[in-house]
């Protein structure tokens, strides 16, 4: 289970992305801050989730599941909740 407290502070995402995994659900994830073109005042969190065992770079992009939320505390909580709905352990 991905808990909000494991996902670091909002300021961290202004400079870097965060990767993690949930071995019980056989998944890996990347969370990053994205500034959509033409919406510089409205950054978002983008979470990309894929099945283990490979890294982001070594995984076929067709396996990615992507979700976006507003760049705020509530958005990061929603990202954690969304990741927790996914499970690749039965594949």
N, C-alpha and C. Protein backbone atom coordinates (compact mmCIF):
# COMPACT_ATOMS: atom_id res chain seq x y z
N UNK A 1 0.83 -1.18 0.00
CA UNK A 1 0.00 0.00 0.00
C UNK A 1 0.88 1.25 0.00
N UNK A 2 0.52 2.19 -0.81
CA UNK A 2 1.26 3.45 -0.89
C UNK A 2 0.60 4.44 0.06
N UNK A 3 1.37 4.92 1.02
CA UNK A 3 0.85 5.88 1.98
C UNK A 3 1.35 7.28 1.63
N UNK A 4 0.51 8.25 1.84
CA UNK A 4 0.87 9.64 1.53
C UNK A 4 2.19 10.04 2.19
N UNK A 5 2.41 9.62 3.42
CA UNK A 5 3.62 10.04 4.13
C UNK A 5 4.90 9.53 3.47
N UNK A 6 4.83 8.52 2.62
CA UNK A 6 5.99 8.01 1.90
C UNK A 6 6.32 8.84 0.65
N UNK A 7 5.43 9.73 0.26
CA UNK A 7 5.57 10.43 -1.02
C UNK A 7 6.27 11.79 -0.95
N UNK A 8 6.89 12.11 0.15
CA UNK A 8 7.70 13.32 0.32
C UNK A 8 6.87 14.59 0.27
N UNK A 9 7.54 15.72 0.48
CA UNK A 9 6.88 17.02 0.53
C UNK A 9 6.66 17.58 -0.88
N UNK A 10 5.69 18.47 -0.99
CA UNK A 10 5.37 19.07 -2.29
C UNK A 10 6.59 19.73 -2.93
N UNK A 11 7.39 20.44 -2.15
CA UNK A 11 8.55 21.14 -2.70
C UNK A 11 9.53 20.20 -3.40
N UNK A 12 9.61 18.97 -2.95
CA UNK A 12 10.50 18.00 -3.60
C UNK A 12 10.17 17.87 -5.08
N UNK A 13 8.89 17.83 -5.42
CA UNK A 13 8.44 17.60 -6.79
C UNK A 13 8.68 18.80 -7.70
N UNK A 14 9.01 19.94 -7.13
CA UNK A 14 9.35 21.10 -7.95
C UNK A 14 10.72 20.95 -8.60
N UNK A 15 11.53 20.02 -8.07
CA UNK A 15 12.90 19.85 -8.57
C UNK A 15 13.18 18.45 -9.11
N UNK A 16 12.40 17.46 -8.69
CA UNK A 16 12.72 16.08 -9.06
C UNK A 16 11.46 15.23 -9.09
N UNK A 17 11.57 14.06 -9.69
CA UNK A 17 10.46 13.11 -9.65
C UNK A 17 10.73 12.07 -8.56
N UNK A 18 9.73 11.28 -8.26
CA UNK A 18 9.82 10.28 -7.20
C UNK A 18 9.41 8.93 -7.77
N UNK A 19 10.18 7.91 -7.49
CA UNK A 19 9.82 6.56 -7.92
C UNK A 19 9.68 5.66 -6.70
N UNK A 20 8.86 4.65 -6.84
CA UNK A 20 8.66 3.72 -5.76
C UNK A 20 8.03 2.44 -6.28
N UNK A 21 7.73 1.55 -5.37
CA UNK A 21 7.11 0.28 -5.76
C UNK A 21 6.24 -0.24 -4.62
N UNK A 22 5.37 -1.16 -4.98
CA UNK A 22 4.55 -1.88 -4.02
C UNK A 22 4.67 -3.35 -4.39
N UNK A 23 5.52 -4.08 -3.67
CA UNK A 23 5.79 -5.47 -4.03
C UNK A 23 4.58 -6.38 -3.81
N UNK A 24 3.68 -6.02 -2.92
CA UNK A 24 2.49 -6.83 -2.72
C UNK A 24 1.57 -6.80 -3.94
N UNK A 25 1.58 -5.69 -4.66
CA UNK A 25 0.73 -5.55 -5.84
C UNK A 25 1.52 -5.66 -7.15
N UNK A 26 2.81 -5.97 -7.03
CA UNK A 26 3.69 -6.14 -8.19
C UNK A 26 3.67 -4.93 -9.12
N UNK A 27 3.78 -3.73 -8.54
CA UNK A 27 3.77 -2.53 -9.38
C UNK A 27 4.87 -1.58 -8.98
N UNK A 28 5.22 -0.76 -9.94
CA UNK A 28 6.16 0.34 -9.74
C UNK A 28 5.50 1.62 -10.19
N UNK A 29 5.99 2.75 -9.67
CA UNK A 29 5.36 4.02 -10.05
C UNK A 29 6.38 5.15 -10.10
N UNK A 30 6.03 6.16 -10.86
CA UNK A 30 6.80 7.39 -10.98
C UNK A 30 5.82 8.53 -10.79
N UNK A 31 6.14 9.47 -9.91
CA UNK A 31 5.30 10.64 -9.69
C UNK A 31 6.13 11.86 -10.01
N UNK A 32 5.58 12.73 -10.84
CA UNK A 32 6.32 13.93 -11.25
C UNK A 32 5.38 15.12 -11.36
N UNK A 33 5.97 16.29 -11.30
CA UNK A 33 5.25 17.55 -11.50
C UNK A 33 5.37 17.89 -12.97
N UNK A 34 4.23 18.16 -13.58
CA UNK A 34 4.18 18.51 -15.01
C UNK A 34 3.52 19.88 -15.14
N UNK A 35 4.05 20.71 -16.00
CA UNK A 35 3.43 21.99 -16.31
C UNK A 35 2.91 21.89 -17.75
N UNK A 36 1.60 21.71 -17.91
CA UNK A 36 1.05 21.57 -19.26
C UNK A 36 1.32 22.81 -20.11
N UNK A 37 1.59 22.59 -21.37
CA UNK A 37 1.84 23.70 -22.29
C UNK A 37 0.63 24.61 -22.33
N UNK A 38 0.86 25.90 -22.16
CA UNK A 38 -0.21 26.87 -22.17
C UNK A 38 -0.92 27.02 -20.83
N UNK A 39 -0.49 26.26 -19.83
CA UNK A 39 -1.12 26.32 -18.51
C UNK A 39 -0.04 26.43 -17.43
N UNK A 40 0.86 27.37 -17.62
CA UNK A 40 2.00 27.53 -16.71
C UNK A 40 1.58 27.79 -15.27
N UNK A 41 0.37 28.32 -15.07
CA UNK A 41 -0.10 28.60 -13.72
C UNK A 41 -0.84 27.41 -13.10
N UNK A 42 -0.91 26.30 -13.82
CA UNK A 42 -1.68 25.14 -13.34
C UNK A 42 -0.89 23.85 -13.44
N UNK A 43 0.19 23.70 -12.67
CA UNK A 43 0.94 22.45 -12.71
C UNK A 43 0.10 21.30 -12.17
N UNK A 44 0.45 20.10 -12.57
CA UNK A 44 -0.26 18.90 -12.12
C UNK A 44 0.74 17.84 -11.69
N UNK A 45 0.25 16.91 -10.88
CA UNK A 45 0.99 15.69 -10.61
C UNK A 45 0.62 14.70 -11.69
N UNK A 46 1.61 14.03 -12.23
CA UNK A 46 1.36 12.92 -13.16
C UNK A 46 1.97 11.67 -12.53
N UNK A 47 1.13 10.67 -12.35
CA UNK A 47 1.59 9.38 -11.84
C UNK A 47 1.55 8.38 -12.98
N UNK A 48 2.65 7.67 -13.15
CA UNK A 48 2.73 6.60 -14.14
C UNK A 48 2.99 5.32 -13.37
N UNK A 49 2.17 4.31 -13.63
CA UNK A 49 2.28 3.03 -12.93
C UNK A 49 2.45 1.92 -13.96
N UNK A 50 3.28 0.93 -13.64
CA UNK A 50 3.51 -0.20 -14.54
C UNK A 50 3.80 -1.44 -13.72
N UNK A 51 3.65 -2.62 -14.34
CA UNK A 51 3.93 -3.87 -13.61
C UNK A 51 5.42 -4.08 -13.41
N UNK A 52 5.77 -4.71 -12.28
CA UNK A 52 7.16 -5.10 -12.04
C UNK A 52 7.55 -6.16 -13.07
N UNK A 53 8.79 -6.42 -13.33
CA UNK A 53 9.95 -6.12 -12.52
C UNK A 53 10.83 -5.01 -13.10
N UNK A 54 10.50 -4.48 -14.26
CA UNK A 54 11.43 -3.60 -14.96
C UNK A 54 11.33 -2.14 -14.55
N UNK A 55 12.40 -1.39 -14.83
CA UNK A 55 12.42 0.04 -14.58
C UNK A 55 11.52 0.75 -15.59
N UNK A 56 11.29 2.03 -15.35
CA UNK A 56 10.49 2.85 -16.26
C UNK A 56 11.05 2.79 -17.67
N UNK A 57 12.35 2.99 -17.78
CA UNK A 57 13.01 3.04 -19.09
C UNK A 57 12.97 1.70 -19.82
N UNK A 58 12.93 0.60 -19.09
CA UNK A 58 12.97 -0.73 -19.70
C UNK A 58 11.57 -1.33 -19.90
N UNK A 59 10.53 -0.59 -19.59
CA UNK A 59 9.16 -1.11 -19.69
C UNK A 59 8.51 -0.62 -20.97
N UNK A 60 7.77 -1.50 -21.63
CA UNK A 60 7.00 -1.15 -22.82
C UNK A 60 5.97 -0.08 -22.43
N UNK A 61 5.97 1.08 -23.08
CA UNK A 61 5.03 2.14 -22.72
C UNK A 61 3.56 1.74 -22.81
N UNK A 62 3.24 0.71 -23.56
CA UNK A 62 1.85 0.28 -23.64
C UNK A 62 1.36 -0.30 -22.31
N UNK A 63 2.28 -0.61 -21.40
CA UNK A 63 1.92 -1.15 -20.09
C UNK A 63 1.68 -0.06 -19.04
N UNK A 64 2.01 1.19 -19.38
CA UNK A 64 1.86 2.29 -18.43
C UNK A 64 0.38 2.65 -18.24
N UNK A 65 0.04 2.94 -17.00
CA UNK A 65 -1.24 3.55 -16.67
C UNK A 65 -0.91 4.92 -16.09
N UNK A 66 -1.58 5.95 -16.58
CA UNK A 66 -1.23 7.33 -16.22
C UNK A 66 -2.46 8.03 -15.63
N UNK A 67 -2.21 8.82 -14.60
CA UNK A 67 -3.27 9.56 -13.94
C UNK A 67 -2.71 10.92 -13.52
N UNK A 68 -3.52 11.97 -13.65
CA UNK A 68 -3.09 13.31 -13.26
C UNK A 68 -4.05 13.91 -12.24
N UNK A 69 -3.48 14.72 -11.36
CA UNK A 69 -4.23 15.45 -10.33
C UNK A 69 -3.59 16.83 -10.18
N UNK A 70 -4.33 17.80 -9.65
CA UNK A 70 -3.75 19.13 -9.42
C UNK A 70 -2.52 19.05 -8.51
N UNK A 71 -1.59 19.96 -8.72
CA UNK A 71 -0.37 20.00 -7.91
C UNK A 71 -0.67 20.71 -6.60
N UNK A 72 -1.12 19.93 -5.63
CA UNK A 72 -1.42 20.43 -4.29
C UNK A 72 -1.45 19.22 -3.36
N UNK A 73 -1.57 19.46 -2.09
CA UNK A 73 -1.58 18.37 -1.12
C UNK A 73 -2.71 17.38 -1.41
N UNK A 74 -3.89 17.90 -1.72
CA UNK A 74 -5.02 17.02 -2.01
C UNK A 74 -4.77 16.20 -3.27
N UNK A 75 -4.08 16.80 -4.23
CA UNK A 75 -3.74 16.07 -5.46
C UNK A 75 -2.80 14.92 -5.18
N UNK A 76 -1.82 15.13 -4.31
CA UNK A 76 -0.88 14.07 -3.97
C UNK A 76 -1.59 12.95 -3.20
N UNK A 77 -2.52 13.33 -2.34
CA UNK A 77 -3.31 12.31 -1.63
C UNK A 77 -4.15 11.51 -2.63
N UNK A 78 -4.71 12.18 -3.64
CA UNK A 78 -5.51 11.49 -4.65
C UNK A 78 -4.64 10.56 -5.50
N UNK A 79 -3.40 10.97 -5.77
CA UNK A 79 -2.46 10.11 -6.51
C UNK A 79 -2.20 8.83 -5.71
N UNK A 80 -1.94 8.96 -4.42
CA UNK A 80 -1.70 7.78 -3.57
C UNK A 80 -2.93 6.87 -3.58
N UNK A 81 -4.10 7.45 -3.45
CA UNK A 81 -5.33 6.64 -3.46
C UNK A 81 -5.51 5.92 -4.79
N UNK A 82 -5.23 6.61 -5.90
CA UNK A 82 -5.36 5.99 -7.22
C UNK A 82 -4.38 4.82 -7.38
N UNK A 83 -3.13 5.03 -6.98
CA UNK A 83 -2.15 3.95 -7.09
C UNK A 83 -2.63 2.72 -6.30
N UNK A 84 -3.24 2.96 -5.16
CA UNK A 84 -3.71 1.86 -4.32
C UNK A 84 -4.88 1.09 -4.93
N UNK A 85 -5.51 1.64 -5.96
CA UNK A 85 -6.59 0.89 -6.62
C UNK A 85 -6.05 -0.11 -7.64
N UNK A 86 -4.78 0.02 -7.99
CA UNK A 86 -4.18 -0.84 -9.02
C UNK A 86 -3.54 -2.06 -8.41
N UNK A 87 -3.52 -3.15 -9.17
CA UNK A 87 -2.92 -4.39 -8.69
C UNK A 87 -2.53 -5.25 -9.89
N UNK A 88 -1.24 -5.53 -10.03
CA UNK A 88 -0.74 -6.35 -11.12
C UNK A 88 -0.36 -7.76 -10.65
N UNK A 89 -0.64 -8.07 -9.39
CA UNK A 89 -0.18 -9.34 -8.84
C UNK A 89 -0.86 -10.56 -9.44
N UNK A 90 -2.00 -10.37 -10.08
CA UNK A 90 -2.69 -11.51 -10.67
C UNK A 90 -2.37 -11.70 -12.16
N UNK A 91 -1.42 -10.95 -12.66
CA UNK A 91 -1.07 -11.05 -14.09
C UNK A 91 0.06 -12.00 -14.31
